[in-house]
Amino acid sequence: APSLGVAEDPATGGACAALGGYLAARSEGRDGMLRYTVHQGVE
């Protein structure tokens, strides 16, 4: 996030919330609860 002066963020809750929408759009129409574990900050 260079726009925020953040070279790299180890954990980004807002991005993970948006990622939930991105991945759901590719869930082949499955209804119910989709679950993902996001590992960030490792590098």
PDB file of all heavy atoms in Angstrom:
ATOM      1  N   ALA A   1       0.834  -1.209   0.000  1.00  0.00           N
ATOM      2  CA  ALA A   1       0.000   0.000   0.000  1.00  0.00           C
ATOM      3  C   ALA A   1       0.864   1.253   0.000  1.00  0.00           C
ATOM      4  O   ALA A   1       0.923   1.989   0.984  1.00  0.00           O
ATOM      5  CB  ALA A   1      -0.933  -0.001   1.213  1.00  0.00           C
ATOM      6  N   PRO A   2       1.544   1.549  -1.118  1.00  0.00           N
ATOM      7  CA  PRO A   2       2.359   2.762  -1.183  1.00  0.00           C
ATOM      8  C   PRO A   2       1.554   4.035  -0.942  1.00  0.00           C
ATOM      9  O   PRO A   2       2.084   5.005  -0.409  1.00  0.00           O
ATOM     10  CB  PRO A   2       2.924   2.733  -2.612  1.00  0.00           C
ATOM     11  CG  PRO A   2       2.845   1.301  -3.034  1.00  0.00           C
ATOM     12  CD  PRO A   2       1.636   0.757  -2.349  1.00  0.00           C
ATOM     13  N   SER A   3       0.267   4.017  -1.302  1.00  0.00           N
ATOM     14  CA  SER A   3      -0.555   5.221  -1.131  1.00  0.00           C
ATOM     15  C   SER A   3      -0.748   5.568   0.339  1.00  0.00           C
ATOM     16  O   SER A   3      -1.030   6.714   0.689  1.00  0.00           O
ATOM     17  CB  SER A   3      -1.926   5.032  -1.788  1.00  0.00           C
ATOM     18  OG  SER A   3      -2.647   3.998  -1.147  1.00  0.00           O
ATOM     19  N   LEU A   4      -0.597   4.576   1.210  1.00  0.00           N
ATOM     20  CA  LEU A   4      -0.746   4.785   2.657  1.00  0.00           C
ATOM     21  C   LEU A   4       0.606   4.865   3.356  1.00  0.00           C
ATOM     22  O   LEU A   4       0.667   4.930   4.580  1.00  0.00           O
ATOM     23  CB  LEU A   4      -1.574   3.652   3.266  1.00  0.00           C
ATOM     24  CG  LEU A   4      -2.975   3.448   2.691  1.00  0.00           C
ATOM     25  CD1 LEU A   4      -3.635   2.225   3.309  1.00  0.00           C
ATOM     26  CD2 LEU A   4      -3.836   4.687   2.922  1.00  0.00           C
ATOM     27  N   GLY A   5       1.693   4.820   2.588  1.00  0.00           N
ATOM     28  CA  GLY A   5       3.019   4.813   3.182  1.00  0.00           C
ATOM     29  C   GLY A   5       3.373   3.482   3.811  1.00  0.00           C
ATOM     30  O   GLY A   5       4.259   3.399   4.662  1.00  0.00           O
ATOM     31  N   VAL A   6       2.685   2.420   3.390  1.00  0.00           N
ATOM     32  CA  VAL A   6       2.920   1.083   3.930  1.00  0.00           C
ATOM     33  C   VAL A   6       3.593   0.248   2.848  1.00  0.00           C
ATOM     34  O   VAL A   6       2.957  -0.144   1.861  1.00  0.00           O
ATOM     35  CB  VAL A   6       1.598   0.415   4.369  1.00  0.00           C
ATOM     36  CG1 VAL A   6       1.860  -1.001   4.872  1.00  0.00           C
ATOM     37  CG2 VAL A   6       0.912   1.248   5.440  1.00  0.00           C
ATOM     38  N   ALA A   7       4.890  -0.031   3.019  1.00  0.00           N
ATOM     39  CA  ALA A   7       5.607  -0.824   2.024  1.00  0.00           C
ATOM     40  C   ALA A   7       4.985  -2.213   1.915  1.00  0.00           C
ATOM     41  O   ALA A   7       4.781  -2.734   0.813  1.00  0.00           O
ATOM     42  CB  ALA A   7       7.082  -0.922   2.389  1.00  0.00           C
ATOM     43  N   GLU A   8       4.676  -2.825   3.060  1.00  0.00           N
ATOM     44  CA  GLU A   8       4.003  -4.124   3.081  1.00  0.00           C
ATOM     45  C   GLU A   8       3.327  -4.287   4.433  1.00  0.00           C
ATOM     46  O   GLU A   8       3.881  -3.913   5.466  1.00  0.00           O
ATOM     47  CB  GLU A   8       4.985  -5.266   2.830  1.00  0.00           C
ATOM     48  CG  GLU A   8       4.318  -6.620   2.765  1.00  0.00           C
ATOM     49  CD  GLU A   8       5.240  -7.738   2.302  1.00  0.00           C
ATOM     50  OE1 GLU A   8       6.394  -7.437   1.915  1.00  0.00           O
ATOM     51  OE2 GLU A   8       4.814  -8.912   2.319  1.00  0.00           O
ATOM     52  N   ASP A   9       2.109  -4.860   4.413  1.00  0.00           N
ATOM     53  CA  ASP A   9       1.331  -5.033   5.632  1.00  0.00           C
ATOM     54  C   ASP A   9       1.304  -6.510   6.009  1.00  0.00           C
ATOM     55  O   ASP A   9       1.052  -7.355   5.149  1.00  0.00           O
ATOM     56  CB  ASP A   9      -0.091  -4.518   5.398  1.00  0.00           C
ATOM     57  CG  ASP A   9      -0.920  -4.500   6.667  1.00  0.00           C
ATOM     58  OD1 ASP A   9      -0.337  -4.393   7.761  1.00  0.00           O
ATOM     59  OD2 ASP A   9      -2.159  -4.584   6.569  1.00  0.00           O
ATOM     60  N   PRO A  10       1.564  -6.855   7.266  1.00  0.00           N
ATOM     61  CA  PRO A  10       1.576  -8.263   7.652  1.00  0.00           C
ATOM     62  C   PRO A  10       0.191  -8.890   7.791  1.00  0.00           C
ATOM     63  O   PRO A  10       0.059 -10.118   7.755  1.00  0.00           O
ATOM     64  CB  PRO A  10       2.306  -8.255   8.998  1.00  0.00           C
ATOM     65  CG  PRO A  10       2.037  -6.903   9.555  1.00  0.00           C
ATOM     66  CD  PRO A  10       1.996  -5.982   8.370  1.00  0.00           C
ATOM     67  N   ALA A  11      -0.854  -8.080   7.951  1.00  0.00           N
ATOM     68  CA  ALA A  11      -2.221  -8.607   8.078  1.00  0.00           C
ATOM     69  C   ALA A  11      -3.198  -7.505   7.690  1.00  0.00           C
ATOM     70  O   ALA A  11      -3.138  -6.418   8.257  1.00  0.00           O
ATOM     71  CB  ALA A  11      -2.492  -9.073   9.507  1.00  0.00           C
ATOM     72  N   THR A  12      -4.070  -7.792   6.732  1.00  0.00           N
ATOM     73  CA  THR A  12      -4.962  -6.752   6.216  1.00  0.00           C
ATOM     74  C   THR A  12      -6.401  -7.258   6.234  1.00  0.00           C
ATOM     75  O   THR A  12      -6.872  -7.909   5.286  1.00  0.00           O
ATOM     76  CB  THR A  12      -4.566  -6.349   4.780  1.00  0.00           C
ATOM     77  OG1 THR A  12      -3.149  -6.191   4.703  1.00  0.00           O
ATOM     78  CG2 THR A  12      -5.237  -5.045   4.391  1.00  0.00           C
ATOM     79  N   GLY A  13      -7.125  -6.958   7.313  1.00  0.00           N
ATOM     80  CA  GLY A  13      -8.495  -7.434   7.458  1.00  0.00           C
ATOM     81  C   GLY A  13      -9.423  -6.918   6.380  1.00  0.00           C
ATOM     82  O   GLY A  13     -10.277  -7.651   5.875  1.00  0.00           O
ATOM     83  N   GLY A  14      -9.279  -5.641   6.010  1.00  0.00           N
ATOM     84  CA  GLY A  14     -10.144  -5.070   4.979  1.00  0.00           C
ATOM     85  C   GLY A  14      -9.958  -5.752   3.638  1.00  0.00           C
ATOM     86  O   GLY A  14     -10.918  -5.975   2.900  1.00  0.00           O
ATOM     87  N   ALA A  15      -8.709  -6.095   3.311  1.00  0.00           N
ATOM     88  CA  ALA A  15      -8.440  -6.798   2.054  1.00  0.00           C
ATOM     89  C   ALA A  15      -9.013  -8.209   2.102  1.00  0.00           C
ATOM     90  O   ALA A  15      -9.545  -8.705   1.099  1.00  0.00           O
ATOM     91  CB  ALA A  15      -6.942  -6.833   1.783  1.00  0.00           C
ATOM     92  N   CYS A  16      -8.919  -8.864   3.248  1.00  0.00           N
ATOM     93  CA  CYS A  16      -9.458 -10.221   3.362  1.00  0.00           C
ATOM     94  C   CYS A  16     -10.980 -10.223   3.251  1.00  0.00           C
ATOM     95  O   CYS A  16     -11.563 -11.164   2.693  1.00  0.00           O
ATOM     96  CB  CYS A  16      -9.015 -10.856   4.681  1.00  0.00           C
ATOM     97  SG  CYS A  16      -7.261 -11.302   4.696  1.00  0.00           S
ATOM     98  N   ALA A  17     -11.633  -9.179   3.750  1.00  0.00           N
ATOM     99  CA  ALA A  17     -13.082  -9.079   3.591  1.00  0.00           C
ATOM    100  C   ALA A  17     -13.447  -8.958   2.118  1.00  0.00           C
ATOM    101  O   ALA A  17     -14.369  -9.620   1.626  1.00  0.00           O
ATOM    102  CB  ALA A  17     -13.612  -7.884   4.379  1.00  0.00           C
ATOM    103  N   ALA A  18     -12.725  -8.115   1.386  1.00  0.00           N
ATOM    104  CA  ALA A  18     -12.975  -7.978  -0.043  1.00  0.00           C
ATOM    105  C   ALA A  18     -12.625  -9.267  -0.783  1.00  0.00           C
ATOM    106  O   ALA A  18     -13.301  -9.651  -1.752  1.00  0.00           O
ATOM    107  CB  ALA A  18     -12.176  -6.804  -0.599  1.00  0.00           C
ATOM    108  N   LEU A  19     -11.574  -9.962  -0.327  1.00  0.00           N
ATOM    109  CA  LEU A  19     -11.184 -11.231  -0.928  1.00  0.00           C
ATOM    110  C   LEU A  19     -12.314 -12.252  -0.822  1.00  0.00           C
ATOM    111  O   LEU A  19     -12.500 -13.084  -1.722  1.00  0.00           O
ATOM    112  CB  LEU A  19      -9.925 -11.773  -0.240  1.00  0.00           C
ATOM    113  CG  LEU A  19      -9.395 -13.121  -0.743  1.00  0.00           C
ATOM    114  CD1 LEU A  19      -8.857 -13.000  -2.167  1.00  0.00           C
ATOM    115  CD2 LEU A  19      -8.306 -13.635   0.195  1.00  0.00           C
ATOM    116  N   GLY A  20     -13.082 -12.178   0.258  1.00  0.00           N
ATOM    117  CA  GLY A  20     -14.230 -13.069   0.406  1.00  0.00           C
ATOM    118  C   GLY A  20     -15.208 -12.926  -0.749  1.00  0.00           C
ATOM    119  O   GLY A  20     -15.782 -13.917  -1.223  1.00  0.00           O
ATOM    120  N   GLY A  21     -15.393 -11.694  -1.232  1.00  0.00           N
ATOM    121  CA  GLY A  21     -16.251 -11.472  -2.389  1.00  0.00           C
ATOM    122  C   GLY A  21     -15.620 -11.968  -3.666  1.00  0.00           C
ATOM    123  O   GLY A  21     -16.283 -12.590  -4.503  1.00  0.00           O
ATOM    124  N   TYR A  22     -14.334 -11.699  -3.833  1.00  0.00           N
ATOM    125  CA  TYR A  22     -13.597 -12.142  -5.024  1.00  0.00           C
ATOM    126  C   TYR A  22     -13.693 -13.653  -5.177  1.00  0.00           C
ATOM    127  O   TYR A  22     -13.973 -14.172  -6.269  1.00  0.00           O
ATOM    128  CB  TYR A  22     -12.142 -11.687  -4.898  1.00  0.00           C
ATOM    129  CG  TYR A  22     -11.219 -12.152  -6.010  1.00  0.00           C
ATOM    130  CD1 TYR A  22     -10.880 -11.298  -7.053  1.00  0.00           C
ATOM    131  CD2 TYR A  22     -10.674 -13.432  -6.005  1.00  0.00           C
ATOM    132  CE1 TYR A  22     -10.020 -11.708  -8.079  1.00  0.00           C
ATOM    133  CE2 TYR A  22      -9.821 -13.855  -7.015  1.00  0.00           C
ATOM    134  CZ  TYR A  22      -9.494 -12.992  -8.046  1.00  0.00           C
ATOM    135  OH  TYR A  22      -8.664 -13.425  -9.046  1.00  0.00           O
ATOM    136  N   LEU A  23     -13.449 -14.393  -4.087  1.00  0.00           N
ATOM    137  CA  LEU A  23     -13.458 -15.847  -4.154  1.00  0.00           C
ATOM    138  C   LEU A  23     -14.869 -16.406  -4.286  1.00  0.00           C
ATOM    139  O   LEU A  23     -15.084 -17.404  -4.982  1.00  0.00           O
ATOM    140  CB  LEU A  23     -12.766 -16.427  -2.919  1.00  0.00           C
ATOM    141  CG  LEU A  23     -11.273 -16.104  -2.807  1.00  0.00           C
ATOM    142  CD1 LEU A  23     -10.731 -16.580  -1.458  1.00  0.00           C
ATOM    143  CD2 LEU A  23     -10.487 -16.734  -3.947  1.00  0.00           C
ATOM    144  N   ALA A  24     -15.840 -15.767  -3.647  1.00  0.00           N
ATOM    145  CA  ALA A  24     -17.226 -16.233  -3.753  1.00  0.00           C
ATOM    146  C   ALA A  24     -17.725 -16.133  -5.188  1.00  0.00           C
ATOM    147  O   ALA A  24     -18.527 -16.954  -5.637  1.00  0.00           O
ATOM    148  CB  ALA A  24     -18.123 -15.434  -2.818  1.00  0.00           C
ATOM    149  N   ALA A  25     -17.243 -15.135  -5.915  1.00  0.00           N
ATOM    150  CA  ALA A  25     -17.647 -14.975  -7.313  1.00  0.00           C
ATOM    151  C   ALA A  25     -17.159 -16.135  -8.168  1.00  0.00           C
ATOM    152  O   ALA A  25     -17.615 -16.312  -9.300  1.00  0.00           O
ATOM    153  CB  ALA A  25     -17.105 -13.659  -7.861  1.00  0.00           C
ATOM    154  N   ARG A  26     -16.238 -16.941  -7.624  1.00  0.00           N
ATOM    155  CA  ARG A  26     -15.681 -18.082  -8.349  1.00  0.00           C
ATOM    156  C   ARG A  26     -16.067 -19.401  -7.697  1.00  0.00           C
ATOM    157  O   ARG A  26     -15.419 -20.423  -7.917  1.00  0.00           O
ATOM    158  CB  ARG A  26     -14.147 -17.957  -8.380  1.00  0.00           C
ATOM    159  CG  ARG A  26     -13.717 -16.801  -9.251  1.00  0.00           C
ATOM    160  CD  ARG A  26     -12.357 -16.261  -8.926  1.00  0.00           C
ATOM    161  NE  ARG A  26     -11.993 -15.307  -9.955  1.00  0.00           N
ATOM    162  CZ  ARG A  26     -12.441 -14.050  -9.999  1.00  0.00           C
ATOM    163  NH1 ARG A  26     -13.246 -13.591  -9.046  1.00  0.00           N
ATOM    164  NH2 ARG A  26     -12.085 -13.253 -10.985  1.00  0.00           N
ATOM    165  N   SER A  27     -17.118 -19.403  -6.908  1.00  0.00           N
ATOM    166  CA  SER A  27     -17.480 -20.593  -6.139  1.00  0.00           C
ATOM    167  C   SER A  27     -18.451 -21.506  -6.873  1.00  0.00           C
ATOM    168  O   SER A  27     -19.027 -22.394  -6.271  1.00  0.00           O
ATOM    169  CB  SER A  27     -18.090 -20.180  -4.795  1.00  0.00           C
ATOM    170  OG  SER A  27     -19.333 -19.518  -5.012  1.00  0.00           O
ATOM    171  N   GLU A  28     -18.649 -21.277  -8.161  1.00  0.00           N
ATOM    172  CA  GLU A  28     -19.507 -22.116  -8.991  1.00  0.00           C
ATOM    173  C   GLU A  28     -20.919 -22.207  -8.445  1.00  0.00           C
ATOM    174  O   GLU A  28     -21.560 -23.267  -8.507  1.00  0.00           O
ATOM    175  CB  GLU A  28     -18.888 -23.511  -9.136  1.00  0.00           C
ATOM    176  CG  GLU A  28     -17.514 -23.501  -9.799  1.00  0.00           C
ATOM    177  CD  GLU A  28     -16.919 -24.888  -9.940  1.00  0.00           C
ATOM    178  OE1 GLU A  28     -17.521 -25.845  -9.398  1.00  0.00           O
ATOM    179  OE2 GLU A  28     -15.872 -25.012 -10.578  1.00  0.00           O
ATOM    180  N   GLY A  29     -21.410 -21.086  -7.928  1.00  0.00           N
ATOM    181  CA  GLY A  29     -22.800 -21.013  -7.502  1.00  0.00           C
ATOM    182  C   GLY A  29     -23.140 -21.750  -6.231  1.00  0.00           C
ATOM    183  O   GLY A  29     -24.308 -21.925  -5.901  1.00  0.00           O
ATOM    184  N   ARG A  30     -22.120 -22.220  -5.481  1.00  0.00           N
ATOM    185  CA  ARG A  30     -22.409 -22.943  -4.249  1.00  0.00           C
ATOM    186  C   ARG A  30     -23.013 -22.005  -3.213  1.00  0.00           C
ATOM    187  O   ARG A  30     -22.509 -20.915  -2.979  1.00  0.00           O
ATOM    188  CB  ARG A  30     -21.133 -23.563  -3.682  1.00  0.00           C
ATOM    189  CG  ARG A  30     -20.603 -24.726  -4.501  1.00  0.00           C
ATOM    190  CD  ARG A  30     -19.389 -25.331  -3.832  1.00  0.00           C
ATOM    191  NE  ARG A  30     -18.311 -24.357  -3.745  1.00  0.00           N
ATOM    192  CZ  ARG A  30     -17.179 -24.574  -3.087  1.00  0.00           C
ATOM    193  NH1 ARG A  30     -17.008 -25.681  -2.410  1.00  0.00           N
ATOM    194  NH2 ARG A  30     -16.229 -23.656  -3.071  1.00  0.00           N
ATOM    195  N   ASP A  31     -24.087 -22.443  -2.602  1.00  0.00           N
ATOM    196  CA  ASP A  31     -24.667 -21.688  -1.495  1.00  0.00           C
ATOM    197  C   ASP A  31     -24.142 -22.244  -0.180  1.00  0.00           C
ATOM    198  O   ASP A  31     -23.667 -23.374  -0.105  1.00  0.00           O
ATOM    199  CB  ASP A  31     -26.190 -21.773  -1.527  1.00  0.00           C
ATOM    200  CG  ASP A  31     -26.796 -20.866  -2.590  1.00  0.00           C
ATOM    201  OD1 ASP A  31     -26.018 -20.162  -3.264  1.00  0.00           O
ATOM    202  OD2 ASP A  31     -28.025 -20.873  -2.753  1.00  0.00           O
ATOM    203  N   GLY A  32     -24.258 -21.412   0.869  1.00  0.00           N
ATOM    204  CA  GLY A  32     -23.775 -21.829   2.177  1.00  0.00           C
ATOM    205  C   GLY A  32     -22.631 -20.942   2.612  1.00  0.00           C
ATOM    206  O   GLY A  32     -22.490 -19.806   2.154  1.00  0.00           O
ATOM    207  N   MET A  33     -21.788 -21.444   3.508  1.00  0.00           N
ATOM    208  CA  MET A  33     -20.670 -20.663   4.024  1.00  0.00           C
ATOM    209  C   MET A  33     -19.364 -21.169   3.421  1.00  0.00           C
ATOM    210  O   MET A  33     -19.045 -22.352   3.514  1.00  0.00           O
ATOM    211  CB  MET A  33     -20.596 -20.738   5.550  1.00  0.00           C
ATOM    212  CG  MET A  33     -19.497 -19.855   6.136  1.00  0.00           C
ATOM    213  SD  MET A  33     -19.602 -19.701   7.930  1.00  0.00           S
ATOM    214  CE  MET A  33     -19.290 -21.391   8.436  1.00  0.00           C
ATOM    215  N   LEU A  34     -18.635 -20.264   2.785  1.00  0.00           N
ATOM    216  CA  LEU A  34     -17.315 -20.572   2.244  1.00  0.00           C
ATOM    217  C   LEU A  34     -16.270 -20.137   3.266  1.00  0.00           C
ATOM    218  O   LEU A  34     -16.364 -19.042   3.824  1.00  0.00           O
ATOM    219  CB  LEU A  34     -17.100 -19.831   0.924  1.00  0.00           C
ATOM    220  CG  LEU A  34     -18.171 -20.020  -0.148  1.00  0.00           C
ATOM    221  CD1 LEU A  34     -17.851 -19.157  -1.362  1.00  0.00           C
ATOM    222  CD2 LEU A  34     -18.287 -21.481  -0.536  1.00  0.00           C
ATOM    223  N   ARG A  35     -15.272 -20.983   3.489  1.00  0.00           N
ATOM    224  CA  ARG A  35     -14.242 -20.680   4.486  1.00  0.00           C
ATOM    225  C   ARG A  35     -12.862 -20.707   3.844  1.00  0.00           C
ATOM    226  O   ARG A  35     -12.555 -21.609   3.069  1.00  0.00           O
ATOM    227  CB  ARG A  35     -14.283 -21.703   5.621  1.00  0.00           C
ATOM    228  CG  ARG A  35     -15.504 -21.596   6.508  1.00  0.00           C
ATOM    229  CD  ARG A  35     -15.451 -22.620   7.613  1.00  0.00           C
ATOM    230  NE  ARG A  35     -16.558 -22.453   8.536  1.00  0.00           N
ATOM    231  CZ  ARG A  35     -16.890 -23.332   9.477  1.00  0.00           C
ATOM    232  NH1 ARG A  35     -16.180 -24.440   9.617  1.00  0.00           N
ATOM    233  NH2 ARG A  35     -17.905 -23.110  10.282  1.00  0.00           N
ATOM    234  N   TYR A  36     -12.057 -19.722   4.222  1.00  0.00           N
ATOM    235  CA  TYR A  36     -10.685 -19.640   3.736  1.00  0.00           C
ATOM    236  C   TYR A  36      -9.781 -19.222   4.889  1.00  0.00           C
ATOM    237  O   TYR A  36     -10.192 -18.459   5.771  1.00  0.00           O
ATOM    238  CB  TYR A  36     -10.555 -18.618   2.602  1.00  0.00           C
ATOM    239  CG  TYR A  36     -11.349 -18.987   1.368  1.00  0.00           C
ATOM    240  CD1 TYR A  36     -12.660 -18.549   1.218  1.00  0.00           C
ATOM    241  CD2 TYR A  36     -10.788 -19.787   0.376  1.00  0.00           C
ATOM    242  CE1 TYR A  36     -13.395 -18.903   0.093  1.00  0.00           C
ATOM    243  CE2 TYR A  36     -11.516 -20.140  -0.746  1.00  0.00           C
ATOM    244  CZ  TYR A  36     -12.814 -19.695  -0.884  1.00  0.00           C
ATOM    245  OH  TYR A  36     -13.546 -20.044  -1.992  1.00  0.00           O
ATOM    246  N   THR A  37      -8.552 -19.714   4.869  1.00  0.00           N
ATOM    247  CA  THR A  37      -7.521 -19.272   5.798  1.00  0.00           C
ATOM    248  C   THR A  37      -6.475 -18.521   5.008  1.00  0.00           C
ATOM    249  O   THR A  37      -5.932 -19.058   4.036  1.00  0.00           O
ATOM    250  CB  THR A  37      -6.874 -20.464   6.521  1.00  0.00           C
ATOM    251  OG1 THR A  37      -7.883 -21.186   7.235  1.00  0.00           O
ATOM    252  CG2 THR A  37      -5.812 -19.984   7.499  1.00  0.00           C
ATOM    253  N   VAL A  38      -6.204 -17.283   5.389  1.00  0.00           N
ATOM    254  CA  VAL A  38      -5.256 -16.431   4.677  1.00  0.00           C
ATOM    255  C   VAL A  38      -3.997 -16.277   5.515  1.00  0.00           C
ATOM    256  O   VAL A  38      -4.051 -15.770   6.644  1.00  0.00           O
ATOM    257  CB  VAL A  38      -5.860 -15.046   4.376  1.00  0.00           C
ATOM    258  CG1 VAL A  38      -4.841 -14.172   3.646  1.00  0.00           C
ATOM    259  CG2 VAL A  38      -7.133 -15.181   3.546  1.00  0.00           C
ATOM    260  N   HIS A  39      -2.866 -16.716   4.967  1.00  0.00           N
ATOM    261  CA  HIS A  39      -1.567 -16.542   5.612  1.00  0.00           C
ATOM    262  C   HIS A  39      -0.890 -15.343   4.955  1.00  0.00           C
ATOM    263  O   HIS A  39      -0.673 -15.327   3.744  1.00  0.00           O
ATOM    264  CB  HIS A  39      -0.709 -17.798   5.452  1.00  0.00           C
ATOM    265  CG  HIS A  39      -1.264 -18.991   6.165  1.00  0.00           C
ATOM    266  ND1 HIS A  39      -0.982 -19.271   7.481  1.00  0.00           N
ATOM    267  CD2 HIS A  39      -2.102 -19.961   5.745  1.00  0.00           C
ATOM    268  CE1 HIS A  39      -1.616 -20.373   7.842  1.00  0.00           C
ATOM    269  NE2 HIS A  39      -2.304 -20.810   6.815  1.00  0.00           N
ATOM    270  N   GLN A  40      -0.580 -14.352   5.743  1.00  0.00           N
ATOM    271  CA  GLN A  40       0.013 -13.111   5.234  1.00  0.00           C
ATOM    272  C   GLN A  40       1.186 -12.721   6.127  1.00  0.00           C
ATOM    273  O   GLN A  40       1.278 -13.131   7.281  1.00  0.00           O
ATOM    274  CB  GLN A  40      -1.052 -12.003   5.216  1.00  0.00           C
ATOM    275  CG  GLN A  40      -0.648 -10.741   4.476  1.00  0.00           C
ATOM    276  CD  GLN A  40      -1.766  -9.690   4.492  1.00  0.00           C
ATOM    277  OE1 GLN A  40      -2.945 -10.016   4.567  1.00  0.00           O
ATOM    278  NE2 GLN A  40      -1.394  -8.433   4.429  1.00  0.00           N
ATOM    279  N   GLY A  41       2.105 -11.929   5.605  1.00  0.00           N
ATOM    280  CA  GLY A  41       3.231 -11.450   6.402  1.00  0.00           C
ATOM    281  C   GLY A  41       4.377 -12.427   6.535  1.00  0.00           C
ATOM    282  O   GLY A  41       5.364 -12.133   7.205  1.00  0.00           O
ATOM    283  N   VAL A  42       4.258 -13.604   5.910  1.00  0.00           N
ATOM    284  CA  VAL A  42       5.301 -14.636   6.041  1.00  0.00           C
ATOM    285  C   VAL A  42       6.621 -14.135   5.465  1.00  0.00           C
ATOM    286  O   VAL A  42       7.682 -14.272   6.079  1.00  0.00           O
ATOM    287  CB  VAL A  42       4.865 -15.940   5.339  1.00  0.00           C
ATOM    288  CG1 VAL A  42       5.993 -16.976   5.388  1.00  0.00           C
ATOM    289  CG2 VAL A  42       3.602 -16.489   5.990  1.00  0.00           C
ATOM    290  N   GLU A  43       6.563 -13.528   4.278  1.00  0.00           N
ATOM    291  CA  GLU A  43       7.788 -13.091   3.600  1.00  0.00           C
ATOM    292  C   GLU A  43       8.499 -11.974   4.340  1.00  0.00           C
ATOM    293  O   GLU A  43       9.701 -11.783   4.156  1.00  0.00           O
ATOM    294  CB  GLU A  43       7.454 -12.639   2.167  1.00  0.00           C
ATOM    295  CG  GLU A  43       7.146 -13.769   1.211  1.00  0.00           C
ATOM    296  CD  GLU A  43       5.782 -14.404   1.437  1.00  0.00           C
ATOM    297  OE1 GLU A  43       4.936 -13.815   2.156  1.00  0.00           O
ATOM    298  OE2 GLU A  43       5.561 -15.500   0.900  1.00  0.00           O
TER     299      GLU A  43
END
